[in-house]
């Protein structure tokens, strides 16, 4: 049975011989959409929701490219980046996360990732990060997070690191506990 998906090689991929790409994300619908979008742009995609499976693929058949979620139910995408870089030093990996923080961005780059993008990341931004030479400064993102969203993400990260202890989080953020409780009760800003 033939697929009706038309594969058009992305302009920047025309000179790339090995287009293998490993995707790792525990959000099934997002993983399927990203897999389909990258396949349509000329990548040969393997997708998984399990860190252990991604590690095995990176070790046994290391791809040229990788897009890994940072936090998953069974581990972290940084482990897969390290394995991939060990078995294929020229591989280019991008880390995606819904919990953007400077510390995790630094950890991703130290592990060997070429870029670190906040979810929801645009497919074109992911492709650009995977195939750009990074000789100069990267292009600014098309849809950057708002200042309110960055603040909210930072508060959520500290709250998580404090074991969901409101009093300890408020102390570390130097804010009143009730103010923090009101912020935590609200939905994430866009």
C-alpha atoms as a PDB file:
ATOM      1  CA  UNK A   1       0.000   0.000   0.000  1.00  0.00           C
ATOM      2  CA  UNK A   2       1.479   3.331  -1.060  1.00  0.00           C
ATOM      3  CA  UNK A   3       1.517   6.351   1.208  1.00  0.00           C
ATOM      4  CA  UNK A   4      -0.082   9.559  -0.024  1.00  0.00           C
ATOM      5  CA  UNK A   5       2.568  11.608   1.811  1.00  0.00           C
ATOM      6  CA  UNK A   6       4.696  13.568  -0.615  1.00  0.00           C
ATOM      7  CA  UNK A   7       8.309  13.773   0.484  1.00  0.00           C
ATOM      8  CA  UNK A   8       9.919  17.032  -0.520  1.00  0.00           C
ATOM      9  CA  UNK A   9      13.533  17.326   0.522  1.00  0.00           C
ATOM     10  CA  UNK A  10      14.029  20.483   2.546  1.00  0.00           C
ATOM     11  CA  UNK A  11      16.277  22.946   0.676  1.00  0.00           C
ATOM     12  CA  UNK A  12      19.001  22.778   3.343  1.00  0.00           C
ATOM     13  CA  UNK A  13      18.997  18.945   3.318  1.00  0.00           C
ATOM     14  CA  UNK A  14      19.861  18.538  -0.360  1.00  0.00           C
ATOM     15  CA  UNK A  15      23.608  18.232   0.347  1.00  0.00           C
ATOM     16  CA  UNK A  16      23.168  15.929   3.351  1.00  0.00           C
ATOM     17  CA  UNK A  17      23.825  12.245   2.647  1.00  0.00           C
ATOM     18  CA  UNK A  18      22.668  10.688   5.928  1.00  0.00           C
ATOM     19  CA  UNK A  19      19.209  12.002   6.833  1.00  0.00           C
ATOM     20  CA  UNK A  20      18.442   9.552   9.644  1.00  0.00           C
ATOM     21  CA  UNK A  21      16.720  11.190  12.592  1.00  0.00           C
ATOM     22  CA  UNK A  22      15.676   9.824  15.987  1.00  0.00           C
ATOM     23  CA  UNK A  23      12.708  11.424  17.764  1.00  0.00           C
ATOM     24  CA  UNK A  24      11.990  10.913  21.464  1.00  0.00           C
ATOM     25  CA  UNK A  25       8.931  12.388  23.164  1.00  0.00           C
ATOM     26  CA  UNK A  26       6.328  10.954  25.530  1.00  0.00           C
ATOM     27  CA  UNK A  27       3.537  13.074  24.029  1.00  0.00           C
ATOM     28  CA  UNK A  28       2.175  10.644  21.403  1.00  0.00           C
ATOM     29  CA  UNK A  29       0.193  13.100  19.228  1.00  0.00           C
ATOM     30  CA  UNK A  30       3.071  15.604  19.191  1.00  0.00           C
ATOM     31  CA  UNK A  31       5.521  12.820  18.321  1.00  0.00           C
ATOM     32  CA  UNK A  32       3.335  11.693  15.395  1.00  0.00           C
ATOM     33  CA  UNK A  33       2.936  15.249  14.045  1.00  0.00           C
ATOM     34  CA  UNK A  34       6.655  15.976  14.319  1.00  0.00           C
ATOM     35  CA  UNK A  35       7.557  12.627  12.761  1.00  0.00           C
ATOM     36  CA  UNK A  36       5.246  13.247   9.827  1.00  0.00           C
ATOM     37  CA  UNK A  37       6.496  16.828   9.358  1.00  0.00           C
ATOM     38  CA  UNK A  38      10.180  15.824   9.400  1.00  0.00           C
ATOM     39  CA  UNK A  39       9.505  12.899   7.030  1.00  0.00           C
ATOM     40  CA  UNK A  40       7.817  15.303   4.622  1.00  0.00           C
ATOM     41  CA  UNK A  41      10.944  17.460   4.728  1.00  0.00           C
ATOM     42  CA  UNK A  42      13.205  14.558   3.750  1.00  0.00           C
ATOM     43  CA  UNK A  43      14.361  13.044   7.059  1.00  0.00           C
ATOM     44  CA  UNK A  44      14.321   9.267   7.613  1.00  0.00           C
ATOM     45  CA  UNK A  45      12.602   9.220  11.001  1.00  0.00           C
ATOM     46  CA  UNK A  46      12.604   6.676  13.829  1.00  0.00           C
ATOM     47  CA  UNK A  47      10.300   7.694  16.678  1.00  0.00           C
ATOM     48  CA  UNK A  48       9.894   6.368  20.200  1.00  0.00           C
ATOM     49  CA  UNK A  49       8.350   7.332  23.518  1.00  0.00           C
ATOM     50  CA  UNK A  50      10.831   5.388  25.697  1.00  0.00           C
ATOM     51  CA  UNK A  51      14.273   6.577  26.813  1.00  0.00           C
ATOM     52  CA  UNK A  52      15.612   3.013  26.980  1.00  0.00           C
ATOM     53  CA  UNK A  53      14.564   2.313  23.392  1.00  0.00           C
ATOM     54  CA  UNK A  54      16.060   5.615  22.195  1.00  0.00           C
ATOM     55  CA  UNK A  55      19.353   4.780  23.973  1.00  0.00           C
ATOM     56  CA  UNK A  56      19.438   1.395  22.230  1.00  0.00           C
ATOM     57  CA  UNK A  57      18.853   2.984  18.818  1.00  0.00           C
ATOM     58  CA  UNK A  58      21.525   5.628  19.507  1.00  0.00           C
ATOM     59  CA  UNK A  59      23.979   2.902  20.515  1.00  0.00           C
ATOM     60  CA  UNK A  60      23.245   0.232  17.876  1.00  0.00           C
ATOM     61  CA  UNK A  61      22.344   2.369  14.860  1.00  0.00           C
ATOM     62  CA  UNK A  62      23.236   5.988  15.665  1.00  0.00           C
ATOM     63  CA  UNK A  63      21.368   8.470  13.475  1.00  0.00           C
ATOM     64  CA  UNK A  64      22.799  11.695  12.059  1.00  0.00           C
ATOM     65  CA  UNK A  65      20.139  13.801  13.792  1.00  0.00           C
ATOM     66  CA  UNK A  66      18.110  13.629  16.983  1.00  0.00           C
ATOM     67  CA  UNK A  67      15.239  15.571  18.550  1.00  0.00           C
ATOM     68  CA  UNK A  68      14.710  14.693  22.189  1.00  0.00           C
ATOM     69  CA  UNK A  69      12.245  15.844  24.814  1.00  0.00           C
ATOM     70  CA  UNK A  70      14.018  16.837  28.019  1.00  0.00           C
ATOM     71  CA  UNK A  71      11.700  15.284  30.590  1.00  0.00           C
ATOM     72  CA  UNK A  72      10.061  11.950  30.054  1.00  0.00           C
ATOM     73  CA  UNK A  73       8.313   9.489  32.315  1.00  0.00           C
ATOM     74  CA  UNK A  74      11.237   7.050  32.266  1.00  0.00           C
ATOM     75  CA  UNK A  75      14.198   9.448  32.223  1.00  0.00           C
ATOM     76  CA  UNK A  76      15.668  12.402  30.406  1.00  0.00           C
ATOM     77  CA  UNK A  77      16.535  13.143  26.821  1.00  0.00           C
ATOM     78  CA  UNK A  78      19.978  14.325  27.939  1.00  0.00           C
ATOM     79  CA  UNK A  79      20.934  10.678  28.554  1.00  0.00           C
ATOM     80  CA  UNK A  80      20.124   9.891  24.936  1.00  0.00           C
ATOM     81  CA  UNK A  81      22.127  12.905  23.703  1.00  0.00           C
ATOM     82  CA  UNK A  82      25.170  11.635  25.610  1.00  0.00           C
ATOM     83  CA  UNK A  83      24.826   8.102  24.217  1.00  0.00           C
ATOM     84  CA  UNK A  84      24.318   9.414  20.685  1.00  0.00           C
ATOM     85  CA  UNK A  85      27.379  11.677  20.907  1.00  0.00           C
ATOM     86  CA  UNK A  86      29.473   8.798  22.288  1.00  0.00           C
ATOM     87  CA  UNK A  87      28.625   6.511  19.351  1.00  0.00           C
ATOM     88  CA  UNK A  88      28.359   9.197  16.680  1.00  0.00           C
ATOM     89  CA  UNK A  89      30.287  12.364  17.572  1.00  0.00           C
ATOM     90  CA  UNK A  90      29.158  14.215  14.427  1.00  0.00           C
ATOM     91  CA  UNK A  91      25.444  13.725  15.207  1.00  0.00           C
ATOM     92  CA  UNK A  92      23.370  16.863  15.680  1.00  0.00           C
ATOM     93  CA  UNK A  93      20.807  16.764  18.477  1.00  0.00           C
ATOM     94  CA  UNK A  94      18.195  19.276  19.573  1.00  0.00           C
ATOM     95  CA  UNK A  95      16.553  19.188  23.006  1.00  0.00           C
ATOM     96  CA  UNK A  96      12.901  20.264  23.339  1.00  0.00           C
ATOM     97  CA  UNK A  97      11.250  21.152  26.615  1.00  0.00           C
ATOM     98  CA  UNK A  98       8.151  22.674  28.082  1.00  0.00           C
ATOM     99  CA  UNK A  99      10.185  23.619  31.174  1.00  0.00           C
ATOM    100  CA  UNK A 100      12.691  26.123  29.840  1.00  0.00           C
ATOM    101  CA  UNK A 101      15.459  27.159  32.204  1.00  0.00           C
ATOM    102  CA  UNK A 102      18.998  28.395  31.726  1.00  0.00           C
ATOM    103  CA  UNK A 103      20.445  25.581  33.833  1.00  0.00           C
ATOM    104  CA  UNK A 104      18.844  22.877  31.692  1.00  0.00           C
ATOM    105  CA  UNK A 105      19.856  24.674  28.487  1.00  0.00           C
ATOM    106  CA  UNK A 106      23.469  24.667  29.687  1.00  0.00           C
ATOM    107  CA  UNK A 107      23.175  20.978  30.643  1.00  0.00           C
ATOM    108  CA  UNK A 108      21.810  20.164  27.162  1.00  0.00           C
ATOM    109  CA  UNK A 109      24.688  21.924  25.427  1.00  0.00           C
ATOM    110  CA  UNK A 110      27.241  20.279  27.745  1.00  0.00           C
ATOM    111  CA  UNK A 111      25.702  16.880  26.918  1.00  0.00           C
ATOM    112  CA  UNK A 112      26.289  17.610  23.227  1.00  0.00           C
ATOM    113  CA  UNK A 113      23.057  19.148  21.931  1.00  0.00           C
ATOM    114  CA  UNK A 114      23.441  21.822  19.265  1.00  0.00           C
ATOM    115  CA  UNK A 115      20.328  23.693  20.387  1.00  0.00           C
ATOM    116  CA  UNK A 116      17.645  23.849  23.052  1.00  0.00           C
ATOM    117  CA  UNK A 117      14.118  24.876  22.046  1.00  0.00           C
ATOM    118  CA  UNK A 118      11.026  25.571  24.136  1.00  0.00           C
ATOM    119  CA  UNK A 119       7.815  23.721  23.321  1.00  0.00           C
ATOM    120  CA  UNK A 120       5.746  24.184  21.346  1.00  0.00           C
ATOM    121  CA  UNK A 121       8.567  24.505  18.831  1.00  0.00           C
ATOM    122  CA  UNK A 122       7.834  25.197  15.189  1.00  0.00           C
ATOM    123  CA  UNK A 123       8.998  22.445  12.804  1.00  0.00           C
ATOM    124  CA  UNK A 124      10.971  24.949  10.735  1.00  0.00           C
ATOM    125  CA  UNK A 125      12.816  26.104  13.881  1.00  0.00           C
ATOM    126  CA  UNK A 126      13.680  22.470  14.655  1.00  0.00           C
ATOM    127  CA  UNK A 127      14.921  21.811  11.104  1.00  0.00           C
ATOM    128  CA  UNK A 128      16.937  25.043  11.148  1.00  0.00           C
ATOM    129  CA  UNK A 129      18.534  24.055  14.467  1.00  0.00           C
ATOM    130  CA  UNK A 130      19.358  20.561  13.180  1.00  0.00           C
ATOM    131  CA  UNK A 131      21.009  21.601   9.935  1.00  0.00           C
ATOM    132  CA  UNK A 132      22.421  25.069  10.586  1.00  0.00           C
ATOM    133  CA  UNK A 133      26.168  25.425  10.782  1.00  0.00           C
ATOM    134  CA  UNK A 134      25.942  27.818  13.754  1.00  0.00           C
ATOM    135  CA  UNK A 135      28.841  29.850  12.387  1.00  0.00           C
ATOM    136  CA  UNK A 136      27.127  33.026  13.454  1.00  0.00           C
ATOM    137  CA  UNK A 137      24.388  33.833  15.878  1.00  0.00           C
ATOM    138  CA  UNK A 138      21.212  31.790  15.477  1.00  0.00           C
ATOM    139  CA  UNK A 139      18.105  33.427  14.110  1.00  0.00           C
ATOM    140  CA  UNK A 140      15.755  34.735  16.776  1.00  0.00           C
ATOM    141  CA  UNK A 141      12.725  32.503  17.356  1.00  0.00           C
ATOM    142  CA  UNK A 142       9.557  33.277  15.426  1.00  0.00           C
ATOM    143  CA  UNK A 143       7.325  32.912  18.495  1.00  0.00           C
ATOM    144  CA  UNK A 144       9.371  33.605  21.625  1.00  0.00           C
ATOM    145  CA  UNK A 145       7.838  33.038  25.055  1.00  0.00           C
ATOM    146  CA  UNK A 146       6.321  36.119  26.632  1.00  0.00           C
ATOM    147  CA  UNK A 147       7.954  37.594  29.734  1.00  0.00           C
ATOM    148  CA  UNK A 148       4.980  36.393  31.784  1.00  0.00           C
ATOM    149  CA  UNK A 149       5.430  32.871  30.451  1.00  0.00           C
ATOM    150  CA  UNK A 150       9.173  32.906  31.208  1.00  0.00           C
ATOM    151  CA  UNK A 151       8.417  34.045  34.777  1.00  0.00           C
ATOM    152  CA  UNK A 152       5.767  31.337  35.172  1.00  0.00           C
ATOM    153  CA  UNK A 153       8.150  28.649  33.828  1.00  0.00           C
ATOM    154  CA  UNK A 154      10.864  29.761  36.266  1.00  0.00           C
ATOM    155  CA  UNK A 155       8.460  29.638  39.219  1.00  0.00           C
ATOM    156  CA  UNK A 156       7.257  26.163  38.162  1.00  0.00           C
ATOM    157  CA  UNK A 157      10.837  24.923  37.881  1.00  0.00           C
ATOM    158  CA  UNK A 158      11.818  26.178  41.357  1.00  0.00           C
ATOM    159  CA  UNK A 159       8.555  24.779  42.771  1.00  0.00           C
ATOM    160  CA  UNK A 160       9.358  21.375  41.267  1.00  0.00           C
ATOM    161  CA  UNK A 161      12.960  21.457  42.520  1.00  0.00           C
ATOM    162  CA  UNK A 162      11.655  22.219  46.021  1.00  0.00           C
ATOM    163  CA  UNK A 163       9.544  19.054  45.962  1.00  0.00           C
ATOM    164  CA  UNK A 164       6.293  21.025  45.518  1.00  0.00           C
ATOM    165  CA  UNK A 165       6.825  22.677  48.896  1.00  0.00           C
ATOM    166  CA  UNK A 166       5.132  26.096  48.648  1.00  0.00           C
ATOM    167  CA  UNK A 167       6.840  27.588  51.706  1.00  0.00           C
ATOM    168  CA  UNK A 168      10.336  26.570  50.585  1.00  0.00           C
ATOM    169  CA  UNK A 169       9.671  27.776  47.022  1.00  0.00           C
ATOM    170  CA  UNK A 170       8.396  31.143  48.293  1.00  0.00           C
ATOM    171  CA  UNK A 171      11.487  31.516  50.489  1.00  0.00           C
ATOM    172  CA  UNK A 172      13.849  30.752  47.596  1.00  0.00           C
ATOM    173  CA  UNK A 173      12.005  33.083  45.234  1.00  0.00           C
ATOM    174  CA  UNK A 174      11.875  35.786  47.913  1.00  0.00           C
ATOM    175  CA  UNK A 175       8.109  36.198  47.638  1.00  0.00           C
ATOM    176  CA  UNK A 176       5.162  35.908  49.978  1.00  0.00           C
ATOM    177  CA  UNK A 177       3.733  32.395  50.282  1.00  0.00           C
ATOM    178  CA  UNK A 178       0.158  33.533  49.509  1.00  0.00           C
ATOM    179  CA  UNK A 179       1.314  35.373  46.398  1.00  0.00           C
ATOM    180  CA  UNK A 180       3.023  32.193  45.230  1.00  0.00           C
ATOM    181  CA  UNK A 181      -0.114  30.139  45.942  1.00  0.00           C
ATOM    182  CA  UNK A 182      -2.191  32.515  43.774  1.00  0.00           C
ATOM    183  CA  UNK A 183       0.344  32.239  40.933  1.00  0.00           C
ATOM    184  CA  UNK A 184       0.431  28.439  41.164  1.00  0.00           C
ATOM    185  CA  UNK A 185      -3.380  28.254  41.103  1.00  0.00           C
ATOM    186  CA  UNK A 186      -3.576  30.108  37.772  1.00  0.00           C
ATOM    187  CA  UNK A 187      -3.089  28.629  34.335  1.00  0.00           C
ATOM    188  CA  UNK A 188       0.129  29.201  32.428  1.00  0.00           C
ATOM    189  CA  UNK A 189       0.210  32.479  30.506  1.00  0.00           C
ATOM    190  CA  UNK A 190       0.707  32.309  26.749  1.00  0.00           C
END
